[in-house]
């Protein structure tokens, strides 16, 4: 199951290690995001979580891979 970067970041906010609990939490949050892009994101992520197994979830790299560049850091060593 492929999650988007946005879905991974959204799930990381909740920091829940159990697939079913995370999916339920996302489903329960839908009323908080009525009619917004966050609602669509929560629905999409919850549906993907519900369609995968616990083993697939455990194997999932749930920490988004950020390639963060610090302002003023041009990569050159001083």
C-alpha atoms as a PDB file:
ATOM      1  CA  UNK A   1       0.000   0.000   0.000  1.00  0.00           C
ATOM      2  CA  UNK A   2       1.502   3.286  -1.076  1.00  0.00           C
ATOM      3  CA  UNK A   3       0.871   6.276   1.141  1.00  0.00           C
ATOM      4  CA  UNK A   4       1.505   9.803  -0.063  1.00  0.00           C
ATOM      5  CA  UNK A   5       3.957  12.024   1.793  1.00  0.00           C
ATOM      6  CA  UNK A   6       0.976  14.049   3.012  1.00  0.00           C
ATOM      7  CA  UNK A   7      -0.732  10.936   4.398  1.00  0.00           C
ATOM      8  CA  UNK A   8       2.452   9.821   6.160  1.00  0.00           C
ATOM      9  CA  UNK A   9       2.923  13.250   7.716  1.00  0.00           C
ATOM     10  CA  UNK A  10      -0.720  13.354   8.777  1.00  0.00           C
ATOM     11  CA  UNK A  11      -0.504   9.906  10.381  1.00  0.00           C
ATOM     12  CA  UNK A  12       2.761  10.843  12.104  1.00  0.00           C
ATOM     13  CA  UNK A  13       0.975  13.661  13.921  1.00  0.00           C
ATOM     14  CA  UNK A  14      -1.080  11.091  15.815  1.00  0.00           C
ATOM     15  CA  UNK A  15       1.954   8.925  16.690  1.00  0.00           C
ATOM     16  CA  UNK A  16      -0.131   5.756  17.113  1.00  0.00           C
ATOM     17  CA  UNK A  17       1.668   2.441  16.662  1.00  0.00           C
ATOM     18  CA  UNK A  18      -1.401   0.214  16.194  1.00  0.00           C
ATOM     19  CA  UNK A  19      -2.960   0.091  12.710  1.00  0.00           C
ATOM     20  CA  UNK A  20      -6.557  -0.370  13.835  1.00  0.00           C
ATOM     21  CA  UNK A  21      -6.283   2.326  16.506  1.00  0.00           C
ATOM     22  CA  UNK A  22      -4.758   4.790  14.044  1.00  0.00           C
ATOM     23  CA  UNK A  23      -7.468   4.081  11.452  1.00  0.00           C
ATOM     24  CA  UNK A  24     -10.194   4.536  14.106  1.00  0.00           C
ATOM     25  CA  UNK A  25      -8.623   7.778  15.301  1.00  0.00           C
ATOM     26  CA  UNK A  26      -8.500   9.111  11.745  1.00  0.00           C
ATOM     27  CA  UNK A  27     -12.142   8.104  11.185  1.00  0.00           C
ATOM     28  CA  UNK A  28     -13.159   9.777  14.461  1.00  0.00           C
ATOM     29  CA  UNK A  29     -11.370  12.975  13.435  1.00  0.00           C
ATOM     30  CA  UNK A  30     -13.430  13.363  10.250  1.00  0.00           C
ATOM     31  CA  UNK A  31     -16.012  15.585  11.943  1.00  0.00           C
ATOM     32  CA  UNK A  32     -13.216  17.968  12.922  1.00  0.00           C
ATOM     33  CA  UNK A  33     -12.281  18.451   9.268  1.00  0.00           C
ATOM     34  CA  UNK A  34     -15.714  18.769   7.664  1.00  0.00           C
ATOM     35  CA  UNK A  35     -15.409  19.762   4.003  1.00  0.00           C
ATOM     36  CA  UNK A  36     -11.684  20.342   4.054  1.00  0.00           C
ATOM     37  CA  UNK A  37      -8.633  18.865   2.393  1.00  0.00           C
ATOM     38  CA  UNK A  38      -7.669  17.434   5.775  1.00  0.00           C
ATOM     39  CA  UNK A  39     -10.904  15.429   5.783  1.00  0.00           C
ATOM     40  CA  UNK A  40     -10.024  13.933   2.393  1.00  0.00           C
ATOM     41  CA  UNK A  41      -6.534  13.158   3.670  1.00  0.00           C
ATOM     42  CA  UNK A  42      -7.894  11.472   6.810  1.00  0.00           C
ATOM     43  CA  UNK A  43     -10.416   9.453   4.788  1.00  0.00           C
ATOM     44  CA  UNK A  44      -7.787   8.327   2.298  1.00  0.00           C
ATOM     45  CA  UNK A  45      -5.247   7.328   4.942  1.00  0.00           C
ATOM     46  CA  UNK A  46      -7.883   5.520   7.052  1.00  0.00           C
ATOM     47  CA  UNK A  47      -9.122   3.561   4.018  1.00  0.00           C
ATOM     48  CA  UNK A  48      -5.584   2.460   3.182  1.00  0.00           C
ATOM     49  CA  UNK A  49      -4.944   1.463   6.802  1.00  0.00           C
ATOM     50  CA  UNK A  50      -8.158  -0.549   6.910  1.00  0.00           C
ATOM     51  CA  UNK A  51      -7.267  -2.418   3.722  1.00  0.00           C
ATOM     52  CA  UNK A  52      -3.833  -3.549   4.905  1.00  0.00           C
ATOM     53  CA  UNK A  53      -2.787  -6.202   7.395  1.00  0.00           C
ATOM     54  CA  UNK A  54      -1.089  -5.569  10.722  1.00  0.00           C
ATOM     55  CA  UNK A  55       2.079  -7.141   9.321  1.00  0.00           C
ATOM     56  CA  UNK A  56       2.050  -4.772   6.338  1.00  0.00           C
ATOM     57  CA  UNK A  57       1.523  -1.856   8.709  1.00  0.00           C
ATOM     58  CA  UNK A  58       4.378  -2.980  10.953  1.00  0.00           C
ATOM     59  CA  UNK A  59       6.669  -3.160   7.900  1.00  0.00           C
ATOM     60  CA  UNK A  60       5.647   0.324   6.769  1.00  0.00           C
ATOM     61  CA  UNK A  61       8.217   3.075   7.197  1.00  0.00           C
ATOM     62  CA  UNK A  62       5.875   5.528   8.925  1.00  0.00           C
ATOM     63  CA  UNK A  63       8.457   8.241   9.438  1.00  0.00           C
ATOM     64  CA  UNK A  64       8.344  10.605   6.461  1.00  0.00           C
ATOM     65  CA  UNK A  65      11.676  10.933   4.699  1.00  0.00           C
ATOM     66  CA  UNK A  66      12.261  14.659   4.753  1.00  0.00           C
ATOM     67  CA  UNK A  67      15.049  16.121   2.701  1.00  0.00           C
ATOM     68  CA  UNK A  68      15.260  19.322   4.659  1.00  0.00           C
ATOM     69  CA  UNK A  69      17.621  22.046   3.592  1.00  0.00           C
ATOM     70  CA  UNK A  70      18.428  24.588   6.269  1.00  0.00           C
ATOM     71  CA  UNK A  71      18.310  28.177   5.082  1.00  0.00           C
ATOM     72  CA  UNK A  72      21.799  29.411   4.395  1.00  0.00           C
ATOM     73  CA  UNK A  73      23.207  25.879   4.268  1.00  0.00           C
ATOM     74  CA  UNK A  74      24.679  25.424   0.817  1.00  0.00           C
ATOM     75  CA  UNK A  75      26.236  22.086   1.745  1.00  0.00           C
ATOM     76  CA  UNK A  76      29.769  23.475   1.752  1.00  0.00           C
ATOM     77  CA  UNK A  77      31.918  22.664   4.770  1.00  0.00           C
ATOM     78  CA  UNK A  78      33.776  25.455   6.413  1.00  0.00           C
END
